[in-house]
């Protein structure tokens, strides 16, 4: 049985390991951190296309079970007035989003991988890798080594595997805003729960979603034109006051939500990776954020990583050699994922428009979502992607119209 080394135990890593196991591989996950990293991070949305990919592996119900359904989204002006009604995600794939805590998702996926007999080795930070004959040998910071037939870099935005494959690889791009978030255990609102509500504030974009049990999670993109030193970013009361001040004149519920948040973590940089020249080399390949990180503003980074995992497993299952499998994988995925990354960047730019252009944006959003979806103007095109585990890999499916 062919052996696969999976570098990274976040989201893409365990899903890839389980997909490759289904394709007939012996897989092991190598995670740089120990289990104390659990509990770190904010929340995320798993889009219909991500749940569709997980369904190939019998994982969609598992992920839904650790989160809550967010079946629709709605857009609002800076003054709190609605631009749209509740726009159902299931108009495309027949299913909605799921909102989940990042840490809960990590734990659920890793636990399920272990239940399926996939070993996970913690405290294994990869430092180097090379192909020796037909074998890929990975070296870790603790001096240990591992050998396999293929090595998959699912090690995120700051991937070491990406640099091993191509020392000249581009670095992640800072896109001019921060990612800020907060959590309220219970916050009364006049709106029904389970909808992602997005506000185009005068100074900052803001969104929130509320669980049926009352918990409210929010996310915002404060502008920082110059890239700050991540070590300089701090959370706490001063940051809460600064965040709330960005929405004081908006006449929306945003400022009250922020002030009600007791503990606001430090923000982090919003970065993407628009186009990577080399995805694979010498039996090694990168997937997910290591290959094509999308800004969190796209709402699809985790979902396209899940797609990657399943498509890569299909390619390795169906192609006669590893090299041909990697080429087929890149051909199938590059156009789609780069379109998603570009959409995330456009979303950020659209959130930062001045008063006149912002009014034009609001007008076109309101007008667009009054119309039904058509093949020519697919506003939910990212969610259309479908993977048939038994069928052949398709090239460039569901890219932007």
Protein backbone atom coordinates (compact mmCIF):
# COMPACT_ATOMS: atom_id res chain seq x y z
CA UNK A 1 0.00 0.00 0.00
CA UNK A 2 1.35 3.44 -0.97
CA UNK A 3 2.21 5.71 1.96
CA UNK A 4 1.35 9.41 2.23
CA UNK A 5 2.90 11.90 4.65
CA UNK A 6 0.43 14.70 5.50
CA UNK A 7 2.10 17.81 6.91
CA UNK A 8 -0.39 19.82 8.96
CA UNK A 9 -3.20 18.80 11.28
CA UNK A 10 -5.54 21.78 10.88
CA UNK A 11 -8.43 21.41 8.43
CA UNK A 12 -6.97 20.34 5.10
CA UNK A 13 -4.62 17.80 6.69
CA UNK A 14 -7.14 15.45 8.36
CA UNK A 15 -9.59 15.73 5.44
CA UNK A 16 -6.78 14.86 3.01
CA UNK A 17 -5.68 11.94 5.15
CA UNK A 18 -9.21 10.51 5.24
CA UNK A 19 -9.69 11.08 1.50
CA UNK A 20 -6.40 9.33 0.69
CA UNK A 21 -7.29 6.49 3.04
CA UNK A 22 -10.51 6.03 1.06
CA UNK A 23 -8.40 6.04 -2.12
CA UNK A 24 -6.26 3.20 -0.77
CA UNK A 25 -3.32 5.01 0.85
CA UNK A 26 -1.68 4.44 4.20
CA UNK A 27 -1.61 7.94 5.72
CA UNK A 28 -0.02 9.66 8.72
CA UNK A 29 -0.58 13.26 9.83
CA UNK A 30 2.33 15.28 11.24
CA UNK A 31 1.23 18.31 13.26
CA UNK A 32 3.75 20.98 14.33
CA UNK A 33 1.92 21.91 17.53
CA UNK A 34 0.89 19.80 20.46
CA UNK A 35 -2.71 19.48 21.62
CA UNK A 36 -2.38 22.66 23.71
CA UNK A 37 -3.05 24.56 20.48
CA UNK A 38 -6.70 23.46 20.74
CA UNK A 39 -8.97 26.31 21.78
CA UNK A 40 -7.10 28.88 19.67
CA UNK A 41 -8.75 30.87 16.87
CA UNK A 42 -12.08 32.38 15.89
CA UNK A 43 -15.06 30.95 14.01
CA UNK A 44 -15.59 30.17 10.34
CA UNK A 45 -18.30 29.35 7.85
CA UNK A 46 -18.29 26.08 5.94
CA UNK A 47 -20.05 26.81 2.65
CA UNK A 48 -22.31 24.40 0.72
CA UNK A 49 -19.44 23.42 -1.59
CA UNK A 50 -17.31 22.51 1.41
CA UNK A 51 -20.08 20.37 2.89
CA UNK A 52 -20.52 18.77 -0.52
CA UNK A 53 -16.83 17.78 -0.57
CA UNK A 54 -17.07 16.42 2.98
CA UNK A 55 -20.10 14.33 1.99
CA UNK A 56 -17.80 12.26 -0.27
CA UNK A 57 -16.04 11.10 2.91
CA UNK A 58 -19.07 10.81 5.20
CA UNK A 59 -18.00 13.90 7.15
CA UNK A 60 -20.68 16.50 6.43
CA UNK A 61 -22.99 15.47 9.30
CA UNK A 62 -20.00 15.40 11.67
CA UNK A 63 -19.12 19.00 10.85
CA UNK A 64 -22.72 20.16 11.02
CA UNK A 65 -22.93 18.55 14.43
CA UNK A 66 -20.18 20.70 15.95
CA UNK A 67 -21.60 23.95 14.58
CA UNK A 68 -24.97 25.47 13.78
CA UNK A 69 -26.82 26.06 10.53
CA UNK A 70 -26.53 29.47 8.90
CA UNK A 71 -28.79 28.97 5.89
CA UNK A 72 -28.91 32.55 4.62
CA UNK A 73 -27.15 35.91 4.45
CA UNK A 74 -28.35 39.52 4.34
CA UNK A 75 -26.72 42.88 3.51
CA UNK A 76 -27.25 46.17 5.36
CA UNK A 77 -26.33 49.80 4.87
CA UNK A 78 -24.21 51.70 7.38
CA UNK A 79 -27.37 53.08 8.98
CA UNK A 80 -28.80 49.63 9.64
CA UNK A 81 -31.31 49.66 6.78
CA UNK A 82 -31.59 46.43 4.82
CA UNK A 83 -30.23 46.23 1.30
CA UNK A 84 -31.59 42.71 0.79
CA UNK A 85 -33.87 40.18 2.32
CA UNK A 86 -32.48 36.94 3.70
CA UNK A 87 -30.70 35.31 0.76
CA UNK A 88 -30.83 31.53 1.06
CA UNK A 89 -27.61 29.65 0.30
CA UNK A 90 -29.58 26.52 -0.59
CA UNK A 91 -30.78 28.09 -3.83
CA UNK A 92 -27.57 26.69 -5.35
CA UNK A 93 -26.55 23.43 -3.68
CA UNK A 94 -29.70 22.52 -1.78
CA UNK A 95 -27.98 23.09 1.56
CA UNK A 96 -26.90 26.07 3.66
CA UNK A 97 -23.75 27.14 5.48
CA UNK A 98 -22.56 25.80 8.81
CA UNK A 99 -20.88 28.13 11.30
CA UNK A 100 -18.34 26.44 13.55
CA UNK A 101 -15.62 27.39 15.98
CA UNK A 102 -12.25 26.79 14.31
CA UNK A 103 -10.93 24.86 17.30
CA UNK A 104 -14.04 22.65 17.47
CA UNK A 105 -13.60 21.83 13.78
CA UNK A 106 -9.93 20.93 14.27
CA UNK A 107 -10.73 18.62 17.15
CA UNK A 108 -13.67 16.95 15.39
CA UNK A 109 -11.69 16.23 12.22
CA UNK A 110 -8.60 14.97 14.04
CA UNK A 111 -10.68 12.79 16.36
CA UNK A 112 -12.49 11.26 13.40
CA UNK A 113 -9.23 10.65 11.55
CA UNK A 114 -7.87 8.80 14.59
CA UNK A 115 -11.12 6.84 14.91
CA UNK A 116 -10.58 5.69 11.32
CA UNK A 117 -7.14 4.42 12.22
CA UNK A 118 -5.06 7.32 10.91
CA UNK A 119 -2.15 8.12 13.24
CA UNK A 120 -1.40 11.73 14.17
CA UNK A 121 2.04 12.65 15.46
CA UNK A 122 2.18 15.92 17.40
CA UNK A 123 5.15 18.24 17.91
CA UNK A 124 6.44 17.40 14.42
CA UNK A 125 7.50 20.62 12.72
CA UNK A 126 8.89 19.81 9.28
CA UNK A 127 12.21 21.48 8.48
CA UNK A 128 13.19 19.79 5.22
CA UNK A 129 12.17 17.14 2.72
CA UNK A 130 13.73 15.52 -0.32
CA UNK A 131 13.11 12.70 -2.72
CA UNK A 132 15.60 9.87 -2.57
CA UNK A 133 14.91 7.47 -5.40
CA UNK A 134 11.15 6.89 -5.34
CA UNK A 135 10.82 7.80 -1.66
CA UNK A 136 10.13 11.21 -0.12
CA UNK A 137 11.96 11.71 3.17
CA UNK A 138 10.76 14.39 5.62
CA UNK A 139 12.97 15.72 8.42
CA UNK A 140 11.48 17.28 11.55
CA UNK A 141 12.81 19.81 14.05
CA UNK A 142 13.18 17.15 16.73
CA UNK A 143 15.64 15.25 14.52
CA UNK A 144 13.27 12.46 13.51
CA UNK A 145 12.48 11.48 9.92
CA UNK A 146 9.60 9.90 8.03
CA UNK A 147 9.44 8.22 4.62
CA UNK A 148 6.59 7.96 2.15
CA UNK A 149 5.64 7.73 -1.49
CA UNK A 150 4.12 11.23 -1.47
CA UNK A 151 4.22 14.25 0.82
CA UNK A 152 1.28 16.66 1.00
CA UNK A 153 1.84 20.12 2.46
CA UNK A 154 -1.37 21.10 4.22
CA UNK A 155 0.56 23.40 6.53
CA UNK A 156 -1.27 26.64 5.97
CA UNK A 157 -0.54 30.21 4.99
CA UNK A 158 3.06 30.18 6.19
CA UNK A 159 3.82 26.77 4.71
CA UNK A 160 7.29 25.32 5.07
CA UNK A 161 6.49 22.68 2.43
CA UNK A 162 5.77 25.45 -0.08
CA UNK A 163 9.27 26.85 0.46
CA UNK A 164 10.83 23.39 0.15
CA UNK A 165 9.10 22.81 -3.17
CA UNK A 166 10.10 26.26 -4.45
CA UNK A 167 12.55 28.38 -2.42
CA UNK A 168 11.59 31.36 -4.62
CA UNK A 169 7.86 30.98 -3.89
CA UNK A 170 5.91 34.19 -3.35
CA UNK A 171 5.03 35.18 0.21
CA UNK A 172 1.50 35.84 1.47
CA UNK A 173 0.16 39.28 0.54
CA UNK A 174 -1.21 41.65 3.16
CA UNK A 175 -4.47 43.12 1.82
CA UNK A 176 -4.75 46.31 3.90
CA UNK A 177 -7.18 45.28 6.64
CA UNK A 178 -7.11 43.34 9.89
CA UNK A 179 -9.29 40.45 10.99
CA UNK A 180 -11.06 41.25 14.25
CA UNK A 181 -13.66 39.14 15.98
CA UNK A 182 -15.60 38.67 19.16
CA UNK A 183 -18.05 36.39 20.95
CA UNK A 184 -21.10 37.13 23.11
CA UNK A 185 -22.59 34.20 25.07
CA UNK A 186 -26.06 35.70 24.76
CA UNK A 187 -27.12 38.93 23.09
CA UNK A 188 -30.72 39.95 22.39
CA UNK A 189 -31.48 41.07 18.83
CA UNK A 190 -34.67 41.75 16.92
CA UNK A 191 -33.60 39.51 14.02
CA UNK A 192 -34.08 35.76 13.62
CA UNK A 193 -30.95 33.67 14.31
CA UNK A 194 -29.06 31.64 11.73
CA UNK A 195 -28.44 34.41 9.18
CA UNK A 196 -25.04 35.94 8.33
CA UNK A 197 -25.73 39.69 8.60
CA UNK A 198 -23.23 41.97 6.84
CA UNK A 199 -22.97 45.74 7.40
CA UNK A 200 -21.11 48.15 5.12
CA UNK A 201 -20.03 50.62 7.80
CA UNK A 202 -18.65 54.02 6.86
CA UNK A 203 -15.26 53.12 8.29
CA UNK A 204 -15.28 49.34 8.61
CA UNK A 205 -17.02 46.21 7.34
CA UNK A 206 -18.78 44.13 10.01
CA UNK A 207 -20.75 40.89 10.06
CA UNK A 208 -22.37 38.78 12.74
CA UNK A 209 -24.27 35.54 13.02
CA UNK A 210 -26.27 34.26 15.95
CA UNK A 211 -26.89 30.66 16.98
CA UNK A 212 -30.43 29.54 17.82
CA UNK A 213 -29.28 29.19 21.45
CA UNK A 214 -28.38 32.89 21.56
CA UNK A 215 -24.59 32.98 21.16
CA UNK A 216 -23.49 35.75 18.82
CA UNK A 217 -20.21 35.75 16.88
CA UNK A 218 -18.95 38.76 14.98
CA UNK A 219 -16.16 39.58 12.56
CA UNK A 220 -14.82 42.90 11.22
CA UNK A 221 -12.13 44.30 8.92
CA UNK A 222 -10.56 47.44 10.45
CA UNK A 223 -8.43 49.27 7.90
CA UNK A 224 -4.64 49.43 8.36
CA UNK A 225 -3.17 50.62 5.08
CA UNK A 226 0.38 49.98 6.22
CA UNK A 227 1.17 46.45 7.29
CA UNK A 228 1.54 46.47 11.09
CA UNK A 229 3.92 44.32 13.07
CA UNK A 230 1.75 41.40 14.29
CA UNK A 231 3.44 41.61 17.69
CA UNK A 232 2.12 45.14 18.11
CA UNK A 233 -1.54 44.11 17.84
CA UNK A 234 -3.39 43.91 21.14
CA UNK A 235 -6.91 43.05 22.24
CA UNK A 236 -8.71 44.06 25.41
CA UNK A 237 -10.74 47.12 26.52
CA UNK A 238 -8.73 49.69 24.54
CA UNK A 239 -9.21 47.72 21.33
CA UNK A 240 -12.91 47.30 22.08
CA UNK A 241 -13.29 51.08 22.46
CA UNK A 242 -11.39 51.70 19.23
CA UNK A 243 -13.52 49.19 17.36
CA UNK A 244 -16.77 50.64 18.70
CA UNK A 245 -15.70 54.17 17.75
CA UNK A 246 -15.53 53.12 14.08
CA UNK A 247 -19.32 52.61 14.08
CA UNK A 248 -20.50 55.42 16.41
CA UNK A 249 -22.07 57.47 13.60
CA UNK A 250 -23.49 54.55 11.60
CA UNK A 251 -26.86 54.24 13.41
CA UNK A 252 -26.60 50.45 13.19
CA UNK A 253 -26.52 47.87 16.02
CA UNK A 254 -22.82 47.25 15.47
CA UNK A 255 -21.36 49.62 18.08
CA UNK A 256 -23.65 48.16 20.78
CA UNK A 257 -22.61 44.61 19.86
CA UNK A 258 -18.94 45.51 20.14
CA UNK A 259 -19.38 47.31 23.47
CA UNK A 260 -21.25 44.30 24.86
CA UNK A 261 -18.31 42.02 24.05
CA UNK A 262 -16.41 41.50 27.29
CA UNK A 263 -13.18 40.07 25.93
CA UNK A 264 -12.04 40.98 22.41
CA UNK A 265 -8.94 39.08 21.25
CA UNK A 266 -6.08 40.75 19.41
CA UNK A 267 -6.73 41.07 15.67
CA UNK A 268 -4.53 39.43 13.09
CA UNK A 269 -3.38 40.33 9.58
CA UNK A 270 -5.69 39.66 6.65
CA UNK A 271 -3.53 38.02 3.97
CA UNK A 272 -3.99 35.98 0.83
CA UNK A 273 -1.85 34.07 -1.67
CA UNK A 274 -3.18 34.91 -5.14
CA UNK A 275 -1.05 32.75 -7.45
CA UNK A 276 1.69 30.27 -6.72
CA UNK A 277 4.04 29.41 -9.61
CA UNK A 278 4.79 25.85 -8.49
CA UNK A 279 2.40 23.58 -6.64
CA UNK A 280 4.38 20.34 -6.77
CA UNK A 281 7.87 18.90 -7.22
CA UNK A 282 9.70 15.64 -6.49
CA UNK A 283 6.75 13.80 -4.98
CA UNK A 284 5.60 16.79 -2.90
CA UNK A 285 2.52 18.98 -3.37
CA UNK A 286 0.80 21.81 -1.48
CA UNK A 287 -2.94 22.19 -0.99
CA UNK A 288 -5.34 24.55 0.76
CA UNK A 289 -3.89 27.76 2.18
CA UNK A 290 -0.37 26.53 1.47
CA UNK A 291 -1.17 26.72 -2.27
CA UNK A 292 -3.84 29.43 -2.60
CA UNK A 293 -4.87 31.22 0.57
CA UNK A 294 -8.09 33.20 0.21
CA UNK A 295 -8.86 36.14 2.47
CA UNK A 296 -11.35 35.23 5.21
CA UNK A 297 -13.56 37.85 3.56
CA UNK A 298 -14.21 35.36 0.75
CA UNK A 299 -15.98 33.06 3.20
CA UNK A 300 -14.61 30.06 1.28
CA UNK A 301 -11.02 29.37 2.35
CA UNK A 302 -11.80 26.27 4.40
CA UNK A 303 -14.32 25.01 1.86
CA UNK A 304 -11.95 25.11 -1.11
CA UNK A 305 -9.29 23.38 1.03
CA UNK A 306 -11.81 20.58 1.60
CA UNK A 307 -12.42 20.41 -2.15
CA UNK A 308 -8.64 20.19 -2.70
CA UNK A 309 -8.35 17.23 -0.35
CA UNK A 310 -10.98 15.18 -2.15
CA UNK A 311 -9.85 16.08 -5.67
CA UNK A 312 -6.20 15.30 -4.87
CA UNK A 313 -7.18 11.88 -3.53
CA UNK A 314 -9.17 11.16 -6.69
CA UNK A 315 -6.23 12.17 -8.88
CA UNK A 316 -3.80 9.94 -6.96
CA UNK A 317 -6.34 7.12 -7.15
CA UNK A 318 -6.94 7.42 -10.89
CA UNK A 319 -3.62 8.48 -12.42
CA UNK A 320 -0.83 5.95 -13.15
CA UNK A 321 1.97 8.00 -11.55
CA UNK A 322 2.35 10.54 -8.78
CA UNK A 323 3.62 13.18 -11.22
CA UNK A 324 0.61 12.74 -13.51
CA UNK A 325 -1.70 12.87 -10.51
CA UNK A 326 -0.21 16.14 -9.31
CA UNK A 327 -0.47 17.64 -12.79
CA UNK A 328 -4.10 16.56 -13.05
CA UNK A 329 -4.79 18.03 -9.61
CA UNK A 330 -3.31 21.41 -10.51
CA UNK A 331 -5.12 21.47 -13.85
CA UNK A 332 -8.41 20.74 -12.14
CA UNK A 333 -8.01 23.25 -9.33
CA UNK A 334 -5.90 26.25 -10.29
CA UNK A 335 -8.47 28.30 -12.22
CA UNK A 336 -11.19 27.80 -9.62
CA UNK A 337 -9.17 28.52 -6.50
CA UNK A 338 -7.45 31.57 -7.97
CA UNK A 339 -10.88 32.93 -8.90
CA UNK A 340 -12.00 32.47 -5.28
CA UNK A 341 -8.88 34.26 -3.98
CA UNK A 342 -9.51 37.12 -6.42
CA UNK A 343 -13.13 37.35 -5.27
CA UNK A 344 -11.99 37.65 -1.66
CA UNK A 345 -9.74 40.57 -2.62
CA UNK A 346 -12.59 42.24 -4.52
CA UNK A 347 -14.85 41.82 -1.49
CA UNK A 348 -12.36 43.73 0.64
CA UNK A 349 -12.02 46.49 -1.95
CA UNK A 350 -15.82 46.72 -2.21
CA UNK A 351 -16.09 47.08 1.55
CA UNK A 352 -13.73 50.09 1.57
CA UNK A 353 -15.43 52.34 -0.98
CA UNK A 354 -16.10 56.01 -0.28
CA UNK A 355 -19.57 57.47 0.14
CA UNK A 356 -20.43 57.87 -3.58
CA UNK A 357 -19.02 54.56 -4.77
CA UNK A 358 -20.36 52.90 -1.65
CA UNK A 359 -23.85 54.12 -2.55
CA UNK A 360 -23.42 52.65 -6.03
CA UNK A 361 -22.30 49.34 -4.48
CA UNK A 362 -25.36 49.31 -2.23
CA UNK A 363 -27.64 50.00 -5.19
CA UNK A 364 -26.25 47.15 -7.27
CA UNK A 365 -26.30 44.69 -4.37
CA UNK A 366 -29.95 45.47 -3.68
CA UNK A 367 -30.79 45.19 -7.37
CA UNK A 368 -28.82 41.98 -7.98
CA UNK A 369 -30.33 39.99 -5.15
CA UNK A 370 -33.87 40.87 -6.11
CA UNK A 371 -33.34 38.75 -9.23
CA UNK A 372 -33.21 34.94 -9.36
CA UNK A 373 -29.88 33.25 -10.08
CA UNK A 374 -29.12 32.75 -13.77
CA UNK A 375 -26.31 31.04 -15.63
CA UNK A 376 -25.04 34.39 -16.84
CA UNK A 377 -24.87 36.13 -13.45
CA UNK A 378 -24.13 33.65 -10.69
CA UNK A 379 -23.73 35.65 -7.50
CA UNK A 380 -23.29 32.45 -5.49
CA UNK A 381 -20.99 30.79 -8.03
CA UNK A 382 -18.46 29.65 -5.42
CA UNK A 383 -21.06 27.37 -3.86
CA UNK A 384 -21.95 25.58 -7.11
CA UNK A 385 -18.97 23.24 -7.13
CA UNK A 386 -19.87 19.56 -6.85
CA UNK A 387 -17.54 16.56 -6.51
CA UNK A 388 -18.58 13.08 -7.56
CA UNK A 389 -16.26 10.65 -5.80
CA UNK A 390 -16.90 7.90 -8.32
CA UNK A 391 -16.64 10.08 -11.43
CA UNK A 392 -13.63 11.51 -13.26
CA UNK A 393 -11.94 14.72 -12.15
CA UNK A 394 -13.23 17.76 -14.02
CA UNK A 395 -11.11 20.75 -14.92
CA UNK A 396 -11.83 24.29 -13.75
CA UNK A 397 -15.36 23.66 -12.56
CA UNK A 398 -17.48 26.51 -11.15
CA UNK A 399 -15.29 29.56 -11.61
CA UNK A 400 -16.60 33.11 -11.59
CA UNK A 401 -18.90 34.19 -14.36
